[in-house]
PDB file of N, CA and C in Angstrom:
ATOM      1  N   GLU A   1     -15.183  14.276 -17.589  1.00  0.00           N
ATOM      2  CA  GLU A   1     -14.076  13.625 -17.974  1.00  0.00           C
ATOM      3  C   GLU A   1     -12.921  13.695 -17.578  1.00  0.00           C
ATOM      4  N   ARG A   2     -12.075  14.844 -16.732  1.00  0.00           N
ATOM      5  CA  ARG A   2     -10.896  15.189 -16.407  1.00  0.00           C
ATOM      6  C   ARG A   2     -10.712  14.275 -15.020  1.00  0.00           C
ATOM      7  N   LYS A   3     -11.750  13.781 -14.609  1.00  0.00           N
ATOM      8  CA  LYS A   3     -11.920  12.780 -13.093  1.00  0.00           C
ATOM      9  C   LYS A   3     -12.119  11.463 -13.716  1.00  0.00           C
ATOM     10  N   ALA A   4     -12.406  11.424 -14.892  1.00  0.00           N
ATOM     11  CA  ALA A   4     -12.161   9.960 -15.790  1.00  0.00           C
ATOM     12  C   ALA A   4     -10.491   9.533 -15.986  1.00  0.00           C
ATOM     13  N   ARG A   5     -10.233  10.185 -16.420  1.00  0.00           N
ATOM     14  CA  ARG A   5      -8.738  10.619 -17.161  1.00  0.00           C
ATOM     15  C   ARG A   5      -7.989  10.293 -15.649  1.00  0.00           C
ATOM     16  N   LEU A   6      -8.216  11.388 -14.727  1.00  0.00           N
ATOM     17  CA  LEU A   6      -6.913  10.840 -13.572  1.00  0.00           C
ATOM     18  C   LEU A   6      -7.037   9.978 -12.501  1.00  0.00           C
ATOM     19  N   LEU A   7      -8.170   9.212 -12.489  1.00  0.00           N
ATOM     20  CA  LEU A   7      -8.520   7.859 -12.174  1.00  0.00           C
ATOM     21  C   LEU A   7      -7.920   7.085 -13.557  1.00  0.00           C
ATOM     22  N   GLU A   8      -7.599   7.071 -14.731  1.00  0.00           N
ATOM     23  CA  GLU A   8      -7.326   5.986 -15.332  1.00  0.00           C
ATOM     24  C   GLU A   8      -5.719   6.079 -15.064  1.00  0.00           C
ATOM     25  N   GLN A   9      -5.088   7.261 -14.869  1.00  0.00           N
ATOM     26  CA  GLN A   9      -3.988   7.827 -14.660  1.00  0.00           C
ATOM     27  C   GLN A   9      -3.473   7.054 -13.089  1.00  0.00           C
ATOM     28  N   MET A  10      -4.129   7.136 -12.434  1.00  0.00           N
ATOM     29  CA  MET A  10      -4.081   6.772 -11.074  1.00  0.00           C
ATOM     30  C   MET A  10      -3.811   5.041 -11.395  1.00  0.00           C
ATOM     31  N   GLU A  11      -5.045   4.319 -11.695  1.00  0.00           N
ATOM     32  CA  GLU A  11      -5.010   3.195 -11.944  1.00  0.00           C
ATOM     33  C   GLU A  11      -3.701   2.604 -12.449  1.00  0.00           C
ATOM     34  N   LEU A  12      -3.307   3.051 -13.495  1.00  0.00           N
ATOM     35  CA  LEU A  12      -2.276   2.748 -14.293  1.00  0.00           C
ATOM     36  C   LEU A  12      -1.126   2.622 -13.421  1.00  0.00           C
ATOM     37  N   GLN A  13      -0.871   4.144 -12.663  1.00  0.00           N
ATOM     38  CA  GLN A  13       0.244   4.462 -11.552  1.00  0.00           C
ATOM     39  C   GLN A  13       0.067   3.158 -10.576  1.00  0.00           C
ATOM     40  N   LEU A  14      -0.625   2.797 -10.163  1.00  0.00           N
ATOM     41  CA  LEU A  14      -0.714   1.797  -9.228  1.00  0.00           C
ATOM     42  C   LEU A  14      -0.330   0.494  -9.308  1.00  0.00           C
ATOM     43  N   GLU A  15      -0.859  -0.049 -10.667  1.00  0.00           N
ATOM     44  CA  GLU A  15      -0.549  -1.145 -11.649  1.00  0.00           C
ATOM     45  C   GLU A  15       1.248  -1.160 -11.544  1.00  0.00           C
ATOM     46  N   GLU A  16       1.885  -0.185 -11.692  1.00  0.00           N
ATOM     47  CA  GLU A  16       3.184   0.177 -12.372  1.00  0.00           C
ATOM     48  C   GLU A  16       3.625   0.259 -10.558  1.00  0.00           C
ATOM     49  N   LEU A  17       3.112   0.786  -9.596  1.00  0.00           N
ATOM     50  CA  LEU A  17       4.233   0.783  -8.389  1.00  0.00           C
ATOM     51  C   LEU A  17       3.769  -0.742  -7.882  1.00  0.00           C
ATOM     52  N   GLU A  18       2.847  -1.061  -8.031  1.00  0.00           N
ATOM     53  CA  GLU A  18       2.769  -2.460  -7.804  1.00  0.00           C
ATOM     54  C   GLU A  18       3.649  -3.373  -7.965  1.00  0.00           C
ATOM     55  N   ALA A  19       3.889  -3.744  -9.497  1.00  0.00           N
ATOM     56  CA  ALA A  19       4.778  -4.418 -10.197  1.00  0.00           C
ATOM     57  C   ALA A  19       6.064  -4.006 -10.078  1.00  0.00           C
ATOM     58  N   ASP A  20       6.214  -2.825  -9.339  1.00  0.00           N
ATOM     59  CA  ASP A  20       7.992  -2.212  -9.053  1.00  0.00           C
ATOM     60  C   ASP A  20       8.419  -2.718  -7.533  1.00  0.00           C
ATOM     61  N   ALA A  21       7.003  -2.594  -6.844  1.00  0.00           N
ATOM     62  CA  ALA A  21       7.194  -2.484  -5.442  1.00  0.00           C
ATOM     63  C   ALA A  21       7.999  -4.157  -5.237  1.00  0.00           C
ATOM     64  N   GLY A  22       7.487  -5.557  -6.021  1.00  0.00           N
ATOM     65  CA  GLY A  22       8.311  -6.790  -5.844  1.00  0.00           C
ATOM     66  C   GLY A  22       9.845  -6.733  -5.828  1.00  0.00           C
ATOM     67  N   GLU A  23      10.182  -5.849  -6.632  1.00  0.00           N
ATOM     68  CA  GLU A  23      11.617  -6.092  -7.217  1.00  0.00           C
ATOM     69  C   GLU A  23      12.759  -4.784  -6.457  1.00  0.00           C
ATOM     70  N   ASP A  24      11.487  -3.664  -5.873  1.00  0.00           N
ATOM     71  CA  ASP A  24      12.600  -2.622  -5.309  1.00  0.00           C
ATOM     72  C   ASP A  24      11.789  -1.679  -4.441  1.00  0.00           C
ATOM     73  N   GLU A  25      12.212  -1.705  -3.210  1.00  0.00           N
ATOM     74  CA  GLU A  25      11.712  -0.636  -2.191  1.00  0.00           C
ATOM     75  C   GLU A  25      11.140   0.544  -2.310  1.00  0.00           C
ATOM     76  N   LEU A  26      12.039   1.230  -3.136  1.00  0.00           N
ATOM     77  CA  LEU A  26      12.003   2.509  -3.841  1.00  0.00           C
ATOM     78  C   LEU A  26      10.813   2.176  -5.177  1.00  0.00           C
ATOM     79  N   ALA A  27      10.319   1.591  -4.909  1.00  0.00           N
ATOM     80  CA  ALA A  27       9.303   1.935  -6.486  1.00  0.00           C
ATOM     81  C   ALA A  27       8.924   2.753  -6.626  1.00  0.00           C
ATOM     82  N   ALA A  28       8.260   3.930  -5.628  1.00  0.00           N
ATOM     83  CA  ALA A  28       8.185   5.114  -6.858  1.00  0.00           C
ATOM     84  C   ALA A  28       9.354   5.951  -7.528  1.00  0.00           C
ATOM     85  N   GLU A  29      10.668   5.814  -6.643  1.00  0.00           N
ATOM     86  CA  GLU A  29      11.514   6.728  -7.575  1.00  0.00           C
ATOM     87  C   GLU A  29      11.329   5.520  -8.991  1.00  0.00           C
ATOM     88  N   VAL A  30      11.783   4.188  -9.138  1.00  0.00           N
ATOM     89  CA  VAL A  30      12.100   3.358 -10.165  1.00  0.00           C
ATOM     90  C   VAL A  30      10.935   3.770 -10.985  1.00  0.00           C
ATOM     91  N   ALA A  31       9.421   3.791 -10.550  1.00  0.00           N
ATOM     92  CA  ALA A  31       8.547   4.162 -11.767  1.00  0.00           C
ATOM     93  C   ALA A  31       8.835   5.611 -12.284  1.00  0.00           C
ATOM     94  N   ALA A  32       8.841   6.429 -11.477  1.00  0.00           N
ATOM     95  CA  ALA A  32       9.643   7.818 -12.096  1.00  0.00           C
ATOM     96  C   ALA A  32      10.658   7.802 -13.438  1.00  0.00           C
ATOM     97  N   LYS A  33      11.215   7.120 -12.764  1.00  0.00           N
ATOM     98  CA  LYS A  33      12.611   7.045 -13.868  1.00  0.00           C
ATOM     99  C   LYS A  33      12.132   6.157 -14.958  1.00  0.00           C
ATOM    100  N   ALA A  34      11.167   5.267 -14.743  1.00  0.00           N
ATOM    101  CA  ALA A  34      10.668   4.184 -16.023  1.00  0.00           C
ATOM    102  C   ALA A  34       9.696   5.197 -17.007  1.00  0.00           C
ATOM    103  N   SER A  35       9.086   6.296 -15.964  1.00  0.00           N
ATOM    104  CA  SER A  35       8.019   7.292 -16.869  1.00  0.00           C
ATOM    105  C   SER A  35       8.933   7.876 -17.656  1.00  0.00           C
ATOM    106  N   THR A  36       9.976   8.162 -17.755  1.00  0.00           N
ATOM    107  CA  THR A  36      11.181   8.912 -18.434  1.00  0.00           C
ATOM    108  C   THR A  36      11.574   8.454 -19.573  1.00  0.00           C
ATOM    109  N   VAL A  37      11.752   7.217 -19.415  1.00  0.00           N
ATOM    110  CA  VAL A  37      12.135   6.549 -20.799  1.00  0.00           C
ATOM    111  C   VAL A  37      11.122   6.416 -21.856  1.00  0.00           C
ATOM    112  N   ARG A  38       9.683   6.439 -21.303  1.00  0.00           N
ATOM    113  CA  ARG A  38       8.107   6.122 -22.044  1.00  0.00           C
ATOM    114  C   ARG A  38       8.494   7.772 -23.122  1.00  0.00           C
ATOM    115  N   ALA A  39       9.090   8.340 -22.617  1.00  0.00           N
ATOM    116  CA  ALA A  39       8.876   9.721 -23.033  1.00  0.00           C
ATOM    117  C   ALA A  39       7.945  10.705 -22.401  1.00  0.00           C
ATOM    118  N   PHE A  40       7.465  10.526 -21.415  1.00  0.00           N
ATOM    119  CA  PHE A  40       6.936  11.593 -20.870  1.00  0.00           C
ATOM    120  C   PHE A  40       7.417  11.492 -19.135  1.00  0.00           C
ATOM    121  N   GLU A  41       7.699  12.516 -18.636  1.00  0.00           N
ATOM    122  CA  GLU A  41       8.498  12.515 -17.544  1.00  0.00           C
ATOM    123  C   GLU A  41       7.144  12.910 -16.094  1.00  0.00           C
ATOM    124  N   ARG A  42       7.647  11.809 -15.214  1.00  0.00           N
ATOM    125  CA  ARG A  42       7.064  12.476 -13.928  1.00  0.00           C
ATOM    126  C   ARG A  42       7.695  12.592 -13.101  1.00  0.00           C
ATOM    127  N   SER A  43       7.449  13.732 -12.190  1.00  0.00           N
ATOM    128  CA  SER A  43       8.125  13.817 -10.788  1.00  0.00           C
ATOM    129  C   SER A  43       7.737  12.873  -9.527  1.00  0.00           C
ATOM    130  N   LEU A  44       9.251  12.706  -9.045  1.00  0.00           N
ATOM    131  CA  LEU A  44       8.726  11.811  -7.568  1.00  0.00           C
ATOM    132  C   LEU A  44       7.315  12.275  -6.732  1.00  0.00           C
ATOM    133  N   SER A  45       7.606  13.679  -6.257  1.00  0.00           N
ATOM    134  CA  SER A  45       6.344  14.203  -5.998  1.00  0.00           C
ATOM    135  C   SER A  45       5.170  14.221  -6.669  1.00  0.00           C
ATOM    136  N   THR A  46       4.916  13.790  -7.768  1.00  0.00           N
ATOM    137  CA  THR A  46       3.889  13.888  -8.683  1.00  0.00           C
ATOM    138  C   THR A  46       2.881  12.220  -8.327  1.00  0.00           C
ATOM    139  N   LEU A  47       4.147  11.487  -8.619  1.00  0.00           N
ATOM    140  CA  LEU A  47       3.647  10.481  -7.831  1.00  0.00           C
ATOM    141  C   LEU A  47       3.167   9.851  -6.716  1.00  0.00           C
ATOM    142  N   ALA A  48       3.733  10.453  -5.403  1.00  0.00           N
ATOM    143  CA  ALA A  48       3.591  10.444  -4.508  1.00  0.00           C
ATOM    144  C   ALA A  48       2.013  11.116  -4.398  1.00  0.00           C
ATOM    145  N   ASP A  49       1.449  11.934  -5.356  1.00  0.00           N
ATOM    146  CA  ASP A  49       0.432  12.666  -5.158  1.00  0.00           C
ATOM    147  C   ASP A  49      -0.580  11.452  -5.701  1.00  0.00           C
ATOM    148  N   GLN A  50      -0.493  10.961  -6.787  1.00  0.00           N
ATOM    149  CA  GLN A  50      -1.161   9.625  -7.188  1.00  0.00           C
ATOM    150  C   GLN A  50      -1.011   8.498  -6.351  1.00  0.00           C
ATOM    151  N   VAL A  51      -0.030   8.151  -5.463  1.00  0.00           N
ATOM    152  CA  VAL A  51      -0.462   7.217  -4.762  1.00  0.00           C
ATOM    153  C   VAL A  51      -1.504   7.788  -3.562  1.00  0.00           C
ATOM    154  N   GLY A  52      -0.997   8.834  -3.056  1.00  0.00           N
ATOM    155  CA  GLY A  52      -1.884   9.472  -2.101  1.00  0.00           C
ATOM    156  C   GLY A  52      -3.547   9.524  -2.087  1.00  0.00           C
ATOM    157  N   ALA A  53      -3.435   9.847  -3.586  1.00  0.00           N
ATOM    158  CA  ALA A  53      -4.935   9.822  -4.188  1.00  0.00           C
ATOM    159  C   ALA A  53      -5.705   8.640  -4.177  1.00  0.00           C
ATOM    160  N   CYS A  54      -4.497   7.184  -4.612  1.00  0.00           N
ATOM    161  CA  CYS A  54      -5.400   6.180  -4.621  1.00  0.00           C
ATOM    162  C   CYS A  54      -5.738   5.628  -3.117  1.00  0.00           C
ATOM    163  N   ALA A  55      -4.705   5.847  -2.643  1.00  0.00           N
ATOM    164  CA  ALA A  55      -5.316   5.652  -0.984  1.00  0.00           C
ATOM    165  C   ALA A  55      -6.715   6.306  -0.435  1.00  0.00           C
ATOM    166  N   ALA A  56      -6.605   7.573  -0.545  1.00  0.00           N
ATOM    167  CA  ALA A  56      -8.027   7.997  -0.387  1.00  0.00           C
ATOM    168  C   ALA A  56      -9.050   7.843  -0.731  1.00  0.00           C
ATOM    169  N   ALA A  57      -8.950   7.364  -2.432  1.00  0.00           N
ATOM    170  CA  ALA A  57     -10.132   6.499  -2.684  1.00  0.00           C
ATOM    171  C   ALA A  57     -10.276   5.132  -2.586  1.00  0.00           C
ATOM    172  N   LEU A  58      -9.220   4.658  -2.007  1.00  0.00           N
ATOM    173  CA  LEU A  58      -9.698   3.128  -1.257  1.00  0.00           C
ATOM    174  C   LEU A  58      -9.951   3.138   0.278  1.00  0.00           C
ATOM    175  N   LYS A  59     -10.023   4.007   0.879  1.00  0.00           N
ATOM    176  CA  LYS A  59      -9.948   4.412   2.250  1.00  0.00           C
ATOM    177  C   LYS A  59     -11.409   3.437   2.901  1.00  0.00           C
ATOM    178  N   PRO A  60     -12.643   3.916   1.919  1.00  0.00           N
ATOM    179  CA  PRO A  60     -14.171   3.213   2.476  1.00  0.00           C
ATOM    180  C   PRO A  60     -13.720   1.604   2.445  1.00  0.00           C
ATOM    181  N   LEU A  61     -12.917   1.095   1.692  1.00  0.00           N
ATOM    182  CA  LEU A  61     -12.673  -0.005   1.394  1.00  0.00           C
ATOM    183  C   LEU A  61     -11.972  -0.967   2.699  1.00  0.00           C
ATOM    184  N   HIS A  62     -10.657  -0.046   2.601  1.00  0.00           N
ATOM    185  CA  HIS A  62      -9.998  -0.108   3.740  1.00  0.00           C
ATOM    186  C   HIS A  62     -10.942  -0.316   5.469  1.00  0.00           C
ATOM    187  N   SER A  63     -11.544   0.912   5.413  1.00  0.00           N
ATOM    188  CA  SER A  63     -12.378   0.676   6.856  1.00  0.00           C
ATOM    189  C   SER A  63     -13.288  -0.563   6.829  1.00  0.00           C
ATOM    190  N   LEU A  64     -13.649  -1.058   5.935  1.00  0.00           N
ATOM    191  CA  LEU A  64     -14.779  -2.313   5.858  1.00  0.00           C
ATOM    192  C   LEU A  64     -13.584  -3.090   6.380  1.00  0.00           C
ATOM    193  N   VAL A  65     -12.763  -3.670   5.719  1.00  0.00           N
ATOM    194  CA  VAL A  65     -12.003  -4.801   5.803  1.00  0.00           C
ATOM    195  C   VAL A  65     -11.682  -4.900   7.118  1.00  0.00           C
ATOM    196  N   GLU A  66     -11.032  -2.907   7.569  1.00  0.00           N
ATOM    197  CA  GLU A  66     -10.739  -2.943   9.003  1.00  0.00           C
ATOM    198  C   GLU A  66     -11.867  -3.760   9.862  1.00  0.00           C
ATOM    199  N   ALA A  67     -12.842  -3.403  10.014  1.00  0.00           N
ATOM    200  CA  ALA A  67     -13.550  -3.404  10.803  1.00  0.00           C
ATOM    201  C   ALA A  67     -14.261  -5.328  10.883  1.00  0.00           C
ATOM    202  N   HIS A  68     -14.135  -5.827   9.773  1.00  0.00           N
ATOM    203  CA  HIS A  68     -14.244  -7.235   9.267  1.00  0.00           C
ATOM    204  C   HIS A  68     -13.249  -7.794  10.448  1.00  0.00           C
ATOM    205  N   VAL A  69     -11.981  -7.593   9.864  1.00  0.00           N
ATOM    206  CA  VAL A  69     -10.955  -8.395  10.244  1.00  0.00           C
ATOM    207  C   VAL A  69     -10.957  -7.778  12.199  1.00  0.00           C
ATOM    208  N   LEU A  70     -10.809  -6.495  12.344  1.00  0.00           N
ATOM    209  CA  LEU A  70     -10.669  -6.664  14.024  1.00  0.00           C
ATOM    210  C   LEU A  70     -11.900  -7.171  14.685  1.00  0.00           C
ATOM    211  N   ALA A  71     -13.228  -7.275  14.253  1.00  0.00           N
ATOM    212  CA  ALA A  71     -14.040  -7.973  15.029  1.00  0.00           C
ATOM    213  C   ALA A  71     -14.077  -9.571  15.151  1.00  0.00           C
ATOM    214  N   ALA A  72     -13.170  -9.847  14.870  1.00  0.00           N
ATOM    215  CA  ALA A  72     -12.705 -11.578  14.810  1.00  0.00           C
ATOM    216  C   ALA A  72     -12.740 -11.942  16.240  1.00  0.00           C
ATOM    217  N   GLU A  73     -12.955 -13.172  16.465  1.00  0.00           N
ATOM    218  CA  GLU A  73     -12.617 -13.780  17.928  1.00  0.00           C
ATOM    219  C   GLU A  73     -11.016 -14.165  18.263  1.00  0.00           C
ATOM    220  N   ARG A  74     -10.734 -14.444  17.159  1.00  0.00           N
ATOM    221  CA  ARG A  74      -9.218 -14.953  16.937  1.00  0.00           C
ATOM    222  C   ARG A  74      -8.279 -14.033  15.983  1.00  0.00           C
ATOM    223  N   LEU A  75      -7.263 -12.978  17.091  1.00  0.00           N
ATOM    224  CA  LEU A  75      -6.532 -12.389  15.544  1.00  0.00           C
ATOM    225  C   LEU A  75      -5.451 -12.603  15.511  1.00  0.00           C
ATOM    226  N   HIS A  76      -4.810 -13.033  14.634  1.00  0.00           N
ATOM    227  CA  HIS A  76      -2.926 -12.635  14.807  1.00  0.00           C
ATOM    228  C   HIS A  76      -2.291 -11.755  13.848  1.00  0.00           C
ATOM    229  N   GLY A  77      -1.152 -11.351  14.923  1.00  0.00           N
ATOM    230  CA  GLY A  77      -0.597 -10.454  14.723  1.00  0.00           C
ATOM    231  C   GLY A  77       0.960 -10.150  14.211  1.00  0.00           C
ATOM    232  N   ASP A  78       1.519  -9.674  13.131  1.00  0.00           N
ATOM    233  CA  ASP A  78       3.080  -9.711  12.555  1.00  0.00           C
ATOM    234  C   ASP A  78       3.428  -8.081  12.475  1.00  0.00           C
ATOM    235  N   ASP A  79       4.678  -7.958  12.672  1.00  0.00           N
ATOM    236  CA  ASP A  79       5.338  -6.803  12.211  1.00  0.00           C
ATOM    237  C   ASP A  79       6.277  -7.281  11.778  1.00  0.00           C
ATOM    238  N   THR A  80       6.708  -6.466  10.499  1.00  0.00           N
ATOM    239  CA  THR A  80       8.033  -7.177   9.293  1.00  0.00           C
ATOM    240  C   THR A  80       8.812  -5.829   8.980  1.00  0.00           C
ATOM    241  N   THR A  81       9.987  -6.041   9.443  1.00  0.00           N
ATOM    242  CA  THR A  81      10.815  -4.522   9.182  1.00  0.00           C
ATOM    243  C   THR A  81      10.886  -4.627   7.819  1.00  0.00           C
ATOM    244  N   MET A  82      11.392  -2.813   7.468  1.00  0.00           N
ATOM    245  CA  MET A  82      11.504  -3.179   5.900  1.00  0.00           C
ATOM    246  C   MET A  82      12.114  -1.695   5.781  1.00  0.00           C
ATOM    247  N   PRO A  83      12.816  -1.255   4.505  1.00  0.00           N
ATOM    248  CA  PRO A  83      13.273  -0.277   4.118  1.00  0.00           C
ATOM    249  C   PRO A  83      12.705   0.426   4.152  1.00  0.00           C
ATOM    250  N   ILE A  84      12.896   2.048   4.673  1.00  0.00           N
ATOM    251  CA  ILE A  84      11.744   3.171   3.696  1.00  0.00           C
ATOM    252  C   ILE A  84      12.721   4.313   3.719  1.00  0.00           C
ATOM    253  N   LEU A  85      12.224   5.449   2.357  1.00  0.00           N
ATOM    254  CA  LEU A  85      13.581   6.174   2.179  1.00  0.00           C
ATOM    255  C   LEU A  85      13.271   7.198   3.117  1.00  0.00           C
ATOM    256  N   ALA A  86      14.597   7.612   3.683  1.00  0.00           N
ATOM    257  CA  ALA A  86      14.318   9.171   4.561  1.00  0.00           C
ATOM    258  C   ALA A  86      15.828  10.218   3.893  1.00  0.00           C
ATOM    259  N   LYS A  87      15.575  11.511   4.283  1.00  0.00           N
ATOM    260  CA  LYS A  87      16.108  12.497   3.448  1.00  0.00           C
ATOM    261  C   LYS A  87      17.502  11.849   3.756  1.00  0.00           C
ATOM    262  N   GLY A  88      18.380  11.581   2.783  1.00  0.00           N
ATOM    263  CA  GLY A  88      19.701  11.352   2.579  1.00  0.00           C
ATOM    264  C   GLY A  88      20.208   9.722   3.450  1.00  0.00           C
ATOM    265  N   LYS A  89      19.278   9.011   3.817  1.00  0.00           N
ATOM    266  CA  LYS A  89      19.656   7.417   4.337  1.00  0.00           C
ATOM    267  C   LYS A  89      18.419   7.222   4.057  1.00  0.00           C
ATOM    268  N   THR A  90      18.330   5.449   4.686  1.00  0.00           N
ATOM    269  CA  THR A  90      17.265   4.591   4.551  1.00  0.00           C
ATOM    270  C   THR A  90      16.997   4.245   6.182  1.00  0.00           C
ATOM    271  N   ASP A  91      15.861   4.507   6.273  1.00  0.00           N
ATOM    272  CA  ASP A  91      15.214   4.188   7.870  1.00  0.00           C
ATOM    273  C   ASP A  91      14.906   2.640   7.903  1.00  0.00           C
ATOM    274  N   THR A  92      14.721   2.145   8.905  1.00  0.00           N
ATOM    275  CA  THR A  92      13.527   0.929   9.015  1.00  0.00           C
ATOM    276  C   THR A  92      12.371   1.062   9.730  1.00  0.00           C
ATOM    277  N   GLY A  93      11.413   0.837   8.790  1.00  0.00           N
ATOM    278  CA  GLY A  93      10.287   0.875   9.088  1.00  0.00           C
ATOM    279  C   GLY A  93       9.439  -0.378   9.082  1.00  0.00           C
ATOM    280  N   ARG A  94       8.209  -0.183   9.654  1.00  0.00           N
ATOM    281  CA  ARG A  94       7.151  -1.463   9.816  1.00  0.00           C
ATOM    282  C   ARG A  94       6.220  -1.822   9.026  1.00  0.00           C
ATOM    283  N   ILE A  95       5.939  -3.194   8.556  1.00  0.00           N
ATOM    284  CA  ILE A  95       4.870  -3.105   8.074  1.00  0.00           C
ATOM    285  C   ILE A  95       3.644  -4.365   9.425  1.00  0.00           C
ATOM    286  N   TRP A  96       2.755  -3.800   9.735  1.00  0.00           N
ATOM    287  CA  TRP A  96       1.817  -4.198  10.706  1.00  0.00           C
ATOM    288  C   TRP A  96       0.843  -5.121   9.822  1.00  0.00           C
ATOM    289  N   THR A  97       0.742  -6.485  10.123  1.00  0.00           N
ATOM    290  CA  THR A  97      -0.101  -7.459   9.790  1.00  0.00           C
ATOM    291  C   THR A  97      -1.127  -8.294  10.531  1.00  0.00           C
ATOM    292  N   TYR A  98      -2.425  -7.734  10.376  1.00  0.00           N
ATOM    293  CA  TYR A  98      -3.340  -8.465  11.440  1.00  0.00           C
ATOM    294  C   TYR A  98      -4.116  -9.266  10.338  1.00  0.00           C
ATOM    295  N   VAL A  99      -4.237 -10.312  10.843  1.00  0.00           N
ATOM    296  CA  VAL A  99      -4.743 -11.665   9.856  1.00  0.00           C
ATOM    297  C   VAL A  99      -6.009 -12.245  10.970  1.00  0.00           C
ATOM    298  N   ARG A 100      -7.319 -12.638  10.207  1.00  0.00           N
ATOM    299  CA  ARG A 100      -8.319 -13.148  10.879  1.00  0.00           C
ATOM    300  C   ARG A 100      -8.802 -14.794   9.891  1.00  0.00           C
ATOM    301  N   ASP A 101      -8.276 -15.513  10.303  1.00  0.00           N
ATOM    302  CA  ASP A 101      -9.226 -16.736   9.678  1.00  0.00           C
ATOM    303  C   ASP A 101      -9.948 -17.919  10.671  1.00  0.00           C
ATOM    304  N   ASP A 102     -10.718 -17.858  10.906  1.00  0.00           N
ATOM    305  CA  ASP A 102     -11.325 -18.716  11.791  1.00  0.00           C
ATOM    306  C   ASP A 102     -11.520 -20.228  11.282  1.00  0.00           C
ATOM    307  N   ARG A 103     -11.045 -20.716   9.928  1.00  0.00           N
ATOM    308  CA  ARG A 103     -11.419 -21.972   8.833  1.00  0.00           C
ATOM    309  C   ARG A 103     -11.200 -22.885  10.159  1.00  0.00           C
ATOM    310  N   PRO A 104      -9.780 -22.684  10.632  1.00  0.00           N
ATOM    311  CA  PRO A 104      -9.691 -24.166  11.223  1.00  0.00           C
ATOM    312  C   PRO A 104     -10.501 -24.532  12.329  1.00  0.00           C
ATOM    313  N   PHE A 105     -10.772 -23.338  12.600  1.00  0.00           N
ATOM    314  CA  PHE A 105     -12.116 -23.354  14.047  1.00  0.00           C
ATOM    315  C   PHE A 105     -13.489 -23.625  13.838  1.00  0.00           C
ATOM    316  N   GLY A 106     -13.690 -23.848  12.413  1.00  0.00           N
ATOM    317  CA  GLY A 106     -15.002 -24.247  12.370  1.00  0.00           C
ATOM    318  C   GLY A 106     -15.851 -22.648  12.259  1.00  0.00           C
ATOM    319  N   GLY A 107     -15.183 -21.570  11.951  1.00  0.00           N
ATOM    320  CA  GLY A 107     -16.047 -20.136  11.247  1.00  0.00           C
ATOM    321  C   GLY A 107     -16.292 -20.316  10.498  1.00  0.00           C
ATOM    322  N   GLN A 108     -17.223 -19.510   9.964  1.00  0.00           N
ATOM    323  CA  GLN A 108     -18.047 -19.295   8.922  1.00  0.00           C
ATOM    324  C   GLN A 108     -17.668 -18.267   8.115  1.00  0.00           C
ATOM    325  N   SER A 109     -17.032 -16.943   8.672  1.00  0.00           N
ATOM    326  CA  SER A 109     -16.412 -15.913   8.234  1.00  0.00           C
ATOM    327  C   SER A 109     -15.623 -16.200   7.244  1.00  0.00           C
ATOM    328  N   PRO A 110     -15.491 -15.114   6.171  1.00  0.00           N
ATOM    329  CA  PRO A 110     -13.941 -15.322   5.779  1.00  0.00           C
ATOM    330  C   PRO A 110     -12.989 -14.926   6.140  1.00  0.00           C
ATOM    331  N   PRO A 111     -12.053 -15.319   5.664  1.00  0.00           N
ATOM    332  CA  PRO A 111     -10.492 -14.838   6.188  1.00  0.00           C
ATOM    333  C   PRO A 111     -10.129 -13.712   5.194  1.00  0.00           C
ATOM    334  N   ALA A 112      -9.284 -12.869   6.344  1.00  0.00           N
ATOM    335  CA  ALA A 112      -9.032 -11.502   5.634  1.00  0.00           C
ATOM    336  C   ALA A 112      -7.523 -10.911   6.373  1.00  0.00           C
ATOM    337  N   ALA A 113      -6.861 -10.171   5.482  1.00  0.00           N
ATOM    338  CA  ALA A 113      -5.836  -9.203   6.148  1.00  0.00           C
ATOM    339  C   ALA A 113      -5.344  -7.992   5.853  1.00  0.00           C
ATOM    340  N   LEU A 114      -5.140  -7.437   7.128  1.00  0.00           N
ATOM    341  CA  LEU A 114      -5.169  -6.075   7.304  1.00  0.00           C
ATOM    342  C   LEU A 114      -3.711  -5.094   7.544  1.00  0.00           C
ATOM    343  N   TYR A 115      -3.549  -4.275   6.862  1.00  0.00           N
ATOM    344  CA  TYR A 115      -2.267  -3.821   6.720  1.00  0.00           C
ATOM    345  C   TYR A 115      -1.923  -2.745   7.157  1.00  0.00           C
ATOM    346  N   TYR A 116      -0.757  -2.529   7.826  1.00  0.00           N
ATOM    347  CA  TYR A 116      -0.621  -0.950   8.433  1.00  0.00           C
ATOM    348  C   TYR A 116       0.964  -0.578   7.696  1.00  0.00           C
ATOM    349  N   ALA A 117       1.261   0.521   7.885  1.00  0.00           N
ATOM    350  CA  ALA A 117       2.682   1.169   7.476  1.00  0.00           C
ATOM    351  C   ALA A 117       3.069   1.995   8.381  1.00  0.00           C
ATOM    352  N   SER A 118       4.414   1.848   9.358  1.00  0.00           N
ATOM    353  CA  SER A 118       4.789   2.593  10.189  1.00  0.00           C
ATOM    354  C   SER A 118       6.337   3.214   9.879  1.00  0.00           C
ATOM    355  N   ARG A 119       6.903   4.177  10.270  1.00  0.00           N
ATOM    356  CA  ARG A 119       8.074   4.687  10.253  1.00  0.00           C
ATOM    357  C   ARG A 119       9.008   3.942  11.239  1.00  0.00           C
ATOM    358  N   ASP A 120       8.169   3.487  12.760  1.00  0.00           N
ATOM    359  CA  ASP A 120       8.741   3.145  14.055  1.00  0.00           C
ATOM    360  C   ASP A 120       7.593   2.438  15.076  1.00  0.00           C
ATOM    361  N   ARG A 121       8.052   1.890  16.167  1.00  0.00           N
ATOM    362  CA  ARG A 121       7.251   1.068  16.228  1.00  0.00           C
ATOM    363  C   ARG A 121       5.885   1.953  17.473  1.00  0.00           C
ATOM    364  N   ARG A 122       6.348   3.057  17.527  1.00  0.00           N
ATOM    365  CA  ARG A 122       5.327   3.986  18.155  1.00  0.00           C
ATOM    366  C   ARG A 122       4.155   4.477  18.008  1.00  0.00           C
ATOM    367  N   GLN A 123       4.284   4.323  16.396  1.00  0.00           N
ATOM    368  CA  GLN A 123       3.148   5.042  15.080  1.00  0.00           C
ATOM    369  C   GLN A 123       2.109   3.728  14.801  1.00  0.00           C
TER     370      GLN A 123
END
């Protein structure tokens, strides 16, 4: 039962973070402040732990999508800069996107996109 409650909390938190991410690059901090208004307090570290748990739970799905995308005959890639929180400042990070879509070339495989985040071009 504890595991079910934790999963439910993670799902709710992920929904909150996704909703906030479109409006604010510091979505976790915004969600932490919003939870205080709702009469319960969650620290930023707790939210980060929950996001990490979600990422671990979704890793098998990510691995399947990754294998599918990287097996493509044609692979489209892009990197986009984004602000990321650092101690006392904001750094420039990157979102790396790899897309597989062979439909214009008569391919039968479904299109898919793969995303990675990094703090710089080296990672």
